[in-house]
């Protein structure tokens, strides 16, 4: 396992999606700027994945529109998807999960376009811990829901929550996964995390549930090509 993604990036994403009318929107959002052109950002802005550095960059609307064309980013930047879809029919049973070798109950899976390999990442107090998923084990996961065949390389993830009694499966943009990691890193206390971190995790997934399809960012933003 390896830890990745810059701590500064995680701190930036920890409370990244303020609700309209909140103090965070009124006081903090005006100071946040596009990482590409330094234009002032609105609270609900898009992100780019810097593939070389494995970091997320904030993008204003103009830069988002530019990088919506795949060729604009080359092998460097990819615009993150706006799709959030709960896979209510997904059935990753305990045997399949055990075969993945993931030592925790929350993880996200991303396929690399360059290598074709699937990596698994999961939150930890140190950031994102990553390893490569065995190809046969991933095929067993894909068989659990046809929607997994639509996963977009590099920028979308299968996010799984099996903490406690939860059995949630989501297709989400990669920045949502990093935001979850940031929440865990910011609130983890002691060996077991403490009650606050699990309350924050529950709030994170509740927010996904209130934001997911059919009310999706895809309604107001163009999809990547």
Foldseek 3Di string as FASTA:
>chain_A
DDAAEDPVLLLCLQVQQDDPPDPCQVPPQQCDAFPPPRHRAHSPFWWKQQVVRRYITTHHQVVLVQQLEVVSQPNTIHTAFFAKDWDPQFDCDPVLVVLQVDPDQKWKWAAAPVPRWIKIWDADLRATDIDTGDPVSVVSRCVRDVCVVVQDHPFWIWIFGPPDPDGITIIHTPSLRSNLNSLQNVQADDDPRDPVSVVVNVVSVVVSVVCHPPNICVVPGPHHD
